[in-house]
C-alpha atoms as a PDB file:
ATOM      1  CA  UNK A   1     -27.079  -1.800 -22.739  1.00  0.00           C
ATOM      2  CA  UNK A   2     -25.898  -1.971 -19.213  1.00  0.00           C
ATOM      3  CA  UNK A   3     -23.506  -4.882 -18.567  1.00  0.00           C
ATOM      4  CA  UNK A   4     -22.396  -5.663 -15.141  1.00  0.00           C
ATOM      5  CA  UNK A   5     -19.392  -7.752 -14.635  1.00  0.00           C
ATOM      6  CA  UNK A   6     -19.287  -9.498 -11.244  1.00  0.00           C
ATOM      7  CA  UNK A   7     -16.000 -10.129  -9.611  1.00  0.00           C
ATOM      8  CA  UNK A   8     -15.503 -13.199  -7.476  1.00  0.00           C
ATOM      9  CA  UNK A   9     -13.078 -12.830  -4.563  1.00  0.00           C
ATOM     10  CA  UNK A  10     -11.922 -16.024  -2.884  1.00  0.00           C
ATOM     11  CA  UNK A  11     -10.935 -15.443   0.715  1.00  0.00           C
ATOM     12  CA  UNK A  12      -8.972 -17.999   2.541  1.00  0.00           C
ATOM     13  CA  UNK A  13      -9.373 -17.928   6.337  1.00  0.00           C
ATOM     14  CA  UNK A  14      -6.336 -19.268   8.140  1.00  0.00           C
ATOM     15  CA  UNK A  15      -4.679 -19.649  11.499  1.00  0.00           C
ATOM     16  CA  UNK A  16      -6.108 -20.074  14.967  1.00  0.00           C
ATOM     17  CA  UNK A  17      -3.755 -21.360  17.624  1.00  0.00           C
ATOM     18  CA  UNK A  18      -4.543 -22.604  21.094  1.00  0.00           C
ATOM     19  CA  UNK A  19      -1.955 -22.602  23.726  1.00  0.00           C
ATOM     20  CA  UNK A  20      -2.671 -25.529  26.038  1.00  0.00           C
ATOM     21  CA  UNK A  21       0.321 -24.965  28.234  1.00  0.00           C
ATOM     22  CA  UNK A  22      -0.713 -21.648  29.721  1.00  0.00           C
ATOM     23  CA  UNK A  23      -3.614 -20.376  31.670  1.00  0.00           C
ATOM     24  CA  UNK A  24      -4.853 -17.987  28.896  1.00  0.00           C
ATOM     25  CA  UNK A  25      -5.784 -19.270  25.490  1.00  0.00           C
ATOM     26  CA  UNK A  26      -3.903 -17.519  22.816  1.00  0.00           C
ATOM     27  CA  UNK A  27      -5.870 -16.061  19.859  1.00  0.00           C
ATOM     28  CA  UNK A  28      -4.652 -15.620  16.311  1.00  0.00           C
ATOM     29  CA  UNK A  29      -7.528 -15.544  13.840  1.00  0.00           C
ATOM     30  CA  UNK A  30      -8.514 -13.835  10.525  1.00  0.00           C
ATOM     31  CA  UNK A  31     -11.755 -14.055   8.679  1.00  0.00           C
ATOM     32  CA  UNK A  32     -12.939 -12.443   5.529  1.00  0.00           C
ATOM     33  CA  UNK A  33     -15.972 -11.411   3.482  1.00  0.00           C
ATOM     34  CA  UNK A  34     -16.133 -10.348  -0.138  1.00  0.00           C
ATOM     35  CA  UNK A  35     -18.658  -7.591  -0.950  1.00  0.00           C
ATOM     36  CA  UNK A  36     -17.891  -6.633  -4.546  1.00  0.00           C
ATOM     37  CA  UNK A  37     -19.911  -6.730  -7.829  1.00  0.00           C
ATOM     38  CA  UNK A  38     -18.891  -3.800  -9.999  1.00  0.00           C
ATOM     39  CA  UNK A  39     -19.520  -2.765 -13.564  1.00  0.00           C
ATOM     40  CA  UNK A  40     -16.084  -2.520 -15.289  1.00  0.00           C
ATOM     41  CA  UNK A  41     -17.639  -0.438 -18.100  1.00  0.00           C
ATOM     42  CA  UNK A  42     -16.983   2.612 -16.239  1.00  0.00           C
ATOM     43  CA  UNK A  43     -14.073   3.674 -14.043  1.00  0.00           C
ATOM     44  CA  UNK A  44     -14.202   2.775 -10.333  1.00  0.00           C
ATOM     45  CA  UNK A  45     -12.406   4.632  -7.501  1.00  0.00           C
ATOM     46  CA  UNK A  46     -11.531   3.126  -4.091  1.00  0.00           C
ATOM     47  CA  UNK A  47     -14.283   0.540  -4.089  1.00  0.00           C
ATOM     48  CA  UNK A  48     -14.190  -1.735  -1.025  1.00  0.00           C
ATOM     49  CA  UNK A  49     -13.791  -5.291  -2.250  1.00  0.00           C
ATOM     50  CA  UNK A  50     -13.286  -7.296   0.967  1.00  0.00           C
ATOM     51  CA  UNK A  51     -13.193  -6.975   4.765  1.00  0.00           C
ATOM     52  CA  UNK A  52     -10.993  -9.042   6.984  1.00  0.00           C
ATOM     53  CA  UNK A  53     -11.482  -9.153  10.784  1.00  0.00           C
ATOM     54  CA  UNK A  54      -8.399  -9.919  13.031  1.00  0.00           C
ATOM     55  CA  UNK A  55      -8.184 -11.216  16.619  1.00  0.00           C
ATOM     56  CA  UNK A  56      -4.748 -11.544  18.210  1.00  0.00           C
ATOM     57  CA  UNK A  57      -3.465 -11.481  21.754  1.00  0.00           C
ATOM     58  CA  UNK A  58       0.174 -12.263  21.144  1.00  0.00           C
ATOM     59  CA  UNK A  59       2.346  -9.732  22.986  1.00  0.00           C
ATOM     60  CA  UNK A  60       4.803  -9.804  19.994  1.00  0.00           C
ATOM     61  CA  UNK A  61       1.817  -9.066  17.670  1.00  0.00           C
ATOM     62  CA  UNK A  62       1.486 -10.452  14.097  1.00  0.00           C
ATOM     63  CA  UNK A  63       1.921  -9.861  10.349  1.00  0.00           C
ATOM     64  CA  UNK A  64      -0.816 -10.240   7.698  1.00  0.00           C
ATOM     65  CA  UNK A  65       0.189 -11.392   4.142  1.00  0.00           C
ATOM     66  CA  UNK A  66      -2.223 -10.724   1.338  1.00  0.00           C
ATOM     67  CA  UNK A  67      -1.741 -12.712  -1.776  1.00  0.00           C
ATOM     68  CA  UNK A  68      -3.468 -11.804  -5.080  1.00  0.00           C
ATOM     69  CA  UNK A  69      -3.738 -14.807  -7.391  1.00  0.00           C
ATOM     70  CA  UNK A  70      -3.565 -12.633 -10.599  1.00  0.00           C
ATOM     71  CA  UNK A  71      -1.309  -9.893  -8.973  1.00  0.00           C
ATOM     72  CA  UNK A  72      -4.131  -7.311  -8.869  1.00  0.00           C
ATOM     73  CA  UNK A  73      -5.773  -8.075 -12.241  1.00  0.00           C
ATOM     74  CA  UNK A  74      -9.267  -9.516 -12.777  1.00  0.00           C
ATOM     75  CA  UNK A  75      -9.303 -12.155 -15.435  1.00  0.00           C
ATOM     76  CA  UNK A  76     -12.318 -13.231 -17.529  1.00  0.00           C
ATOM     77  CA  UNK A  77     -13.433 -16.818 -16.736  1.00  0.00           C
ATOM     78  CA  UNK A  78     -12.881 -19.048 -19.782  1.00  0.00           C
ATOM     79  CA  UNK A  79     -10.849 -16.401 -21.534  1.00  0.00           C
ATOM     80  CA  UNK A  80      -7.744 -14.414 -21.570  1.00  0.00           C
ATOM     81  CA  UNK A  81      -9.117 -10.894 -21.285  1.00  0.00           C
ATOM     82  CA  UNK A  82      -7.960  -8.960 -18.191  1.00  0.00           C
ATOM     83  CA  UNK A  83      -8.698  -5.742 -16.395  1.00  0.00           C
ATOM     84  CA  UNK A  84      -5.999  -4.438 -14.155  1.00  0.00           C
ATOM     85  CA  UNK A  85      -6.640  -2.688 -10.867  1.00  0.00           C
ATOM     86  CA  UNK A  86      -4.969   0.769 -11.025  1.00  0.00           C
ATOM     87  CA  UNK A  87      -4.900   1.020  -7.327  1.00  0.00           C
ATOM     88  CA  UNK A  88      -5.175  -1.421  -4.404  1.00  0.00           C
ATOM     89  CA  UNK A  89      -5.314   0.225  -0.990  1.00  0.00           C
ATOM     90  CA  UNK A  90      -5.315  -1.223   2.617  1.00  0.00           C
ATOM     91  CA  UNK A  91      -7.212   0.771   5.265  1.00  0.00           C
ATOM     92  CA  UNK A  92      -8.330   0.102   8.908  1.00  0.00           C
ATOM     93  CA  UNK A  93     -12.019   0.044   9.292  1.00  0.00           C
ATOM     94  CA  UNK A  94     -12.981  -0.357  13.000  1.00  0.00           C
ATOM     95  CA  UNK A  95     -12.537  -2.583  15.921  1.00  0.00           C
ATOM     96  CA  UNK A  96      -9.685  -2.495  18.428  1.00  0.00           C
ATOM     97  CA  UNK A  97      -6.072  -2.594  17.198  1.00  0.00           C
ATOM     98  CA  UNK A  98      -3.708  -3.555  20.064  1.00  0.00           C
ATOM     99  CA  UNK A  99      -2.131  -0.622  21.890  1.00  0.00           C
ATOM    100  CA  UNK A 100       1.305   0.002  20.423  1.00  0.00           C
ATOM    101  CA  UNK A 101       0.488  -1.099  16.909  1.00  0.00           C
ATOM    102  CA  UNK A 102       0.103   1.210  13.801  1.00  0.00           C
ATOM    103  CA  UNK A 103      -3.102   0.980  11.833  1.00  0.00           C
ATOM    104  CA  UNK A 104      -2.817   0.919   7.976  1.00  0.00           C
ATOM    105  CA  UNK A 105      -3.509   4.368   6.587  1.00  0.00           C
ATOM    106  CA  UNK A 106      -4.130   4.166   2.787  1.00  0.00           C
ATOM    107  CA  UNK A 107      -1.211   1.695   2.217  1.00  0.00           C
ATOM    108  CA  UNK A 108      -0.575   1.339  -1.424  1.00  0.00           C
ATOM    109  CA  UNK A 109      -0.533  -2.439  -1.759  1.00  0.00           C
ATOM    110  CA  UNK A 110      -0.221  -2.457  -5.654  1.00  0.00           C
ATOM    111  CA  UNK A 111       3.105  -0.452  -5.597  1.00  0.00           C
ATOM    112  CA  UNK A 112       4.524  -2.481  -2.702  1.00  0.00           C
ATOM    113  CA  UNK A 113       3.486  -5.917  -4.037  1.00  0.00           C
ATOM    114  CA  UNK A 114       6.161  -8.505  -4.684  1.00  0.00           C
ATOM    115  CA  UNK A 115       5.237 -11.566  -6.833  1.00  0.00           C
ATOM    116  CA  UNK A 116       1.532 -10.888  -6.167  1.00  0.00           C
ATOM    117  CA  UNK A 117       1.936 -10.658  -2.273  1.00  0.00           C
ATOM    118  CA  UNK A 118       2.076  -7.857   0.224  1.00  0.00           C
ATOM    119  CA  UNK A 119       2.757  -8.204   4.049  1.00  0.00           C
ATOM    120  CA  UNK A 120       1.361  -5.621   6.452  1.00  0.00           C
ATOM    121  CA  UNK A 121       3.420  -5.296   9.557  1.00  0.00           C
ATOM    122  CA  UNK A 122       1.541  -3.293  12.219  1.00  0.00           C
ATOM    123  CA  UNK A 123       4.506  -3.170  14.681  1.00  0.00           C
ATOM    124  CA  UNK A 124       6.521  -5.369  16.933  1.00  0.00           C
ATOM    125  CA  UNK A 125       4.537  -5.527  20.105  1.00  0.00           C
ATOM    126  CA  UNK A 126       1.128  -4.766  21.569  1.00  0.00           C
ATOM    127  CA  UNK A 127       0.215  -4.160  25.253  1.00  0.00           C
ATOM    128  CA  UNK A 128      -3.423  -4.937  24.747  1.00  0.00           C
ATOM    129  CA  UNK A 129      -5.116  -7.517  22.485  1.00  0.00           C
ATOM    130  CA  UNK A 130      -6.329  -6.781  18.908  1.00  0.00           C
ATOM    131  CA  UNK A 131      -9.980  -7.587  18.906  1.00  0.00           C
ATOM    132  CA  UNK A 132     -12.432  -7.577  15.999  1.00  0.00           C
ATOM    133  CA  UNK A 133      -9.956  -5.209  14.046  1.00  0.00           C
ATOM    134  CA  UNK A 134     -11.263  -4.624  10.531  1.00  0.00           C
ATOM    135  CA  UNK A 135      -8.947  -4.365   7.531  1.00  0.00           C
ATOM    136  CA  UNK A 136     -10.535  -3.100   4.220  1.00  0.00           C
ATOM    137  CA  UNK A 137      -9.040  -3.632   0.663  1.00  0.00           C
ATOM    138  CA  UNK A 138     -10.190  -1.049  -1.754  1.00  0.00           C
ATOM    139  CA  UNK A 139      -9.513  -0.974  -5.400  1.00  0.00           C
ATOM    140  CA  UNK A 140      -9.664   1.372  -8.394  1.00  0.00           C
ATOM    141  CA  UNK A 141      -9.806   0.637 -12.187  1.00  0.00           C
ATOM    142  CA  UNK A 142     -10.114   2.420 -15.495  1.00  0.00           C
ATOM    143  CA  UNK A 143     -13.249   2.332 -17.643  1.00  0.00           C
ATOM    144  CA  UNK A 144     -13.296  -0.794 -20.016  1.00  0.00           C
ATOM    145  CA  UNK A 145     -16.179  -0.405 -22.365  1.00  0.00           C
ATOM    146  CA  UNK A 146     -14.609  -2.766 -24.837  1.00  0.00           C
ATOM    147  CA  UNK A 147     -14.605  -5.672 -22.401  1.00  0.00           C
ATOM    148  CA  UNK A 148     -16.384  -8.867 -23.241  1.00  0.00           C
ATOM    149  CA  UNK A 149     -19.290  -9.888 -21.060  1.00  0.00           C
ATOM    150  CA  UNK A 150     -18.446 -12.426 -18.523  1.00  0.00           C
ATOM    151  CA  UNK A 151     -17.335 -13.118 -14.929  1.00  0.00           C
ATOM    152  CA  UNK A 152     -14.041 -11.576 -14.029  1.00  0.00           C
ATOM    153  CA  UNK A 153     -12.129 -12.839 -10.965  1.00  0.00           C
ATOM    154  CA  UNK A 154      -9.212 -12.140  -8.786  1.00  0.00           C
ATOM    155  CA  UNK A 155      -8.398 -14.512  -5.858  1.00  0.00           C
ATOM    156  CA  UNK A 156      -7.220 -12.903  -2.634  1.00  0.00           C
ATOM    157  CA  UNK A 157      -5.952 -14.845   0.408  1.00  0.00           C
ATOM    158  CA  UNK A 158      -4.974 -13.489   3.784  1.00  0.00           C
ATOM    159  CA  UNK A 159      -2.747 -15.258   6.303  1.00  0.00           C
ATOM    160  CA  UNK A 160      -2.044 -13.922   9.735  1.00  0.00           C
ATOM    161  CA  UNK A 161       1.253 -15.030  11.236  1.00  0.00           C
ATOM    162  CA  UNK A 162       1.865 -14.548  14.979  1.00  0.00           C
ATOM    163  CA  UNK A 163       5.318 -13.579  16.264  1.00  0.00           C
ATOM    164  CA  UNK A 164       6.037 -16.307  18.680  1.00  0.00           C
END
Protein backbone atom coordinates (compact mmCIF):
# COMPACT_ATOMS: atom_id res chain seq x y z
CA UNK A 1 0.00 0.00 0.00
CA UNK A 2 1.44 3.34 -1.02
CA UNK A 3 0.77 6.01 1.61
CA UNK A 4 1.69 9.56 0.78
CA UNK A 5 2.01 11.99 3.66
CA UNK A 6 1.55 15.58 2.59
CA UNK A 7 3.40 18.36 4.36
CA UNK A 8 1.86 21.74 4.81
CA UNK A 9 4.26 24.67 4.82
CA UNK A 10 2.98 27.98 6.14
CA UNK A 11 4.81 30.88 4.58
CA UNK A 12 4.50 34.28 6.16
CA UNK A 13 5.16 37.13 3.76
CA UNK A 14 6.41 40.24 5.50
CA UNK A 15 7.96 43.65 4.99
CA UNK A 16 7.45 46.19 2.31
CA UNK A 17 8.59 49.71 3.12
CA UNK A 18 7.95 52.87 1.13
CA UNK A 19 10.17 55.89 1.64
CA UNK A 20 7.97 58.95 1.11
CA UNK A 21 10.75 61.45 1.81
CA UNK A 22 12.97 60.53 -1.16
CA UNK A 23 12.59 60.59 -4.89
CA UNK A 24 13.06 56.84 -5.28
CA UNK A 25 10.76 54.41 -3.55
CA UNK A 26 12.56 51.93 -1.40
CA UNK A 27 11.83 48.26 -1.88
CA UNK A 28 12.11 45.54 0.74
CA UNK A 29 9.87 42.57 0.03
CA UNK A 30 9.82 38.79 0.32
CA UNK A 31 7.19 36.37 -0.91
CA UNK A 32 7.08 32.60 -0.78
CA UNK A 33 5.50 29.53 -2.28
CA UNK A 34 5.38 26.00 -0.84
CA UNK A 35 5.77 23.15 -3.33
CA UNK A 36 6.12 19.98 -1.28
CA UNK A 37 4.05 16.80 -0.92
CA UNK A 38 6.39 13.88 -0.15
CA UNK A 39 6.02 10.31 0.92
CA UNK A 40 7.88 9.84 4.19
CA UNK A 41 7.80 6.06 3.79
CA UNK A 42 11.05 6.25 1.84
CA UNK A 43 14.05 8.48 2.38
CA UNK A 44 14.19 11.84 0.64
CA UNK A 45 17.31 13.76 -0.34
CA UNK A 46 17.44 17.53 -0.84
CA UNK A 47 13.86 18.00 -1.93
CA UNK A 48 12.86 21.63 -2.49
CA UNK A 49 10.02 22.53 -0.13
CA UNK A 50 9.67 26.27 -0.61
CA UNK A 51 10.85 29.17 -2.78
CA UNK A 52 11.20 32.73 -1.53
CA UNK A 53 11.61 35.72 -3.85
CA UNK A 54 13.40 38.85 -2.61
CA UNK A 55 13.37 42.43 -3.85
CA UNK A 56 15.52 44.98 -1.99
CA UNK A 57 17.15 48.22 -3.05
CA UNK A 58 18.68 49.39 0.24
CA UNK A 59 22.39 50.18 -0.18
CA UNK A 60 23.08 48.60 3.21
CA UNK A 61 21.28 45.43 2.05
CA UNK A 62 19.22 43.12 4.28
CA UNK A 63 19.06 39.95 6.37
CA UNK A 64 16.49 37.16 6.03
CA UNK A 65 15.45 35.22 9.13
CA UNK A 66 13.82 31.83 8.67
CA UNK A 67 11.89 30.43 11.63
CA UNK A 68 10.82 26.80 11.73
CA UNK A 69 7.82 26.25 14.02
CA UNK A 70 8.88 22.70 14.89
CA UNK A 71 12.64 23.31 14.59
CA UNK A 72 12.95 21.22 11.44
CA UNK A 73 10.59 18.38 12.35
CA UNK A 74 7.28 17.56 10.71
CA UNK A 75 4.57 16.72 13.25
CA UNK A 76 1.46 14.63 12.62
CA UNK A 77 -1.74 16.66 12.87
CA UNK A 78 -3.78 15.57 15.88
CA UNK A 79 -0.97 13.42 17.22
CA UNK A 80 2.49 13.45 18.66
CA UNK A 81 4.36 11.45 16.02
CA UNK A 82 7.21 13.39 14.42
CA UNK A 83 9.60 12.91 11.54
CA UNK A 84 12.80 14.98 11.76
CA UNK A 85 14.48 16.48 8.76
CA UNK A 86 18.07 15.22 8.62
CA UNK A 87 19.18 18.16 6.49
CA UNK A 88 17.85 21.66 5.77
CA UNK A 89 19.77 23.52 3.06
CA UNK A 90 19.54 27.10 1.76
CA UNK A 91 20.44 27.70 -1.89
CA UNK A 92 20.13 30.54 -4.37
CA UNK A 93 17.92 29.77 -7.33
CA UNK A 94 17.98 32.59 -9.83
CA UNK A 95 17.09 36.24 -10.22
CA UNK A 96 19.50 39.09 -9.48
CA UNK A 97 21.34 39.34 -6.19
CA UNK A 98 22.72 42.84 -5.60
CA UNK A 99 26.34 43.41 -6.62
CA UNK A 100 28.59 42.95 -3.60
CA UNK A 101 26.35 40.39 -1.87
CA UNK A 102 27.20 36.70 -1.44
CA UNK A 103 24.66 34.08 -2.58
CA UNK A 104 23.86 31.15 -0.31
CA UNK A 105 25.80 28.09 -1.45
CA UNK A 106 24.35 25.01 0.24
CA UNK A 107 24.15 26.65 3.68
CA UNK A 108 23.38 24.06 6.36
CA UNK A 109 20.45 25.70 8.15
CA UNK A 110 19.80 22.73 10.45
CA UNK A 111 23.28 22.78 11.98
CA UNK A 112 23.26 26.58 12.31
CA UNK A 113 19.75 26.94 13.68
CA UNK A 114 19.25 28.53 17.10
CA UNK A 115 15.90 28.06 18.86
CA UNK A 116 14.29 27.12 15.53
CA UNK A 117 15.64 30.15 13.63
CA UNK A 118 18.42 30.89 11.17
CA UNK A 119 19.41 34.29 9.74
CA UNK A 120 21.02 34.53 6.31
CA UNK A 121 23.28 37.58 6.00
CA UNK A 122 24.32 38.06 2.35
CA UNK A 123 26.68 40.95 3.14
CA UNK A 124 26.84 44.52 4.34
CA UNK A 125 26.22 46.52 1.18
CA UNK A 126 25.09 46.26 -2.41
CA UNK A 127 25.87 48.58 -5.30
CA UNK A 128 22.92 47.41 -7.41
CA UNK A 129 19.43 46.34 -6.32
CA UNK A 130 18.41 42.78 -5.54
CA UNK A 131 15.55 41.95 -7.92
CA UNK A 132 13.51 38.78 -8.09
CA UNK A 133 16.24 36.85 -6.27
CA UNK A 134 15.10 33.31 -5.50
CA UNK A 135 16.02 31.44 -2.32
CA UNK A 136 15.24 27.72 -2.08
CA UNK A 137 14.99 25.61 1.05
CA UNK A 138 15.74 21.93 0.48
CA UNK A 139 15.27 19.13 3.01
CA UNK A 140 16.28 15.50 3.50
CA UNK A 141 14.77 12.83 5.77
CA UNK A 142 15.22 9.18 6.61
CA UNK A 143 12.66 6.51 5.61
CA UNK A 144 9.80 6.20 8.10
CA UNK A 145 7.82 3.09 7.07
CA UNK A 146 6.37 2.79 10.58
CA UNK A 147 4.74 6.21 10.45
CA UNK A 148 1.02 6.51 10.96
CA UNK A 149 -1.05 7.87 8.10
CA UNK A 150 -1.92 11.54 8.38
CA UNK A 151 -0.91 15.07 7.54
CA UNK A 152 2.53 16.07 8.79
CA UNK A 153 3.36 19.77 9.03
CA UNK A 154 6.23 22.16 9.65
CA UNK A 155 5.63 25.91 9.63
CA UNK A 156 8.27 28.14 8.07
CA UNK A 157 8.23 31.92 8.23
CA UNK A 158 10.65 34.25 6.48
CA UNK A 159 11.22 37.85 7.49
CA UNK A 160 13.40 40.24 5.51
CA UNK A 161 14.98 43.04 7.54
CA UNK A 162 16.59 45.98 5.76
CA UNK A 163 19.65 47.65 7.21
CA UNK A 164 18.61 51.26 7.59
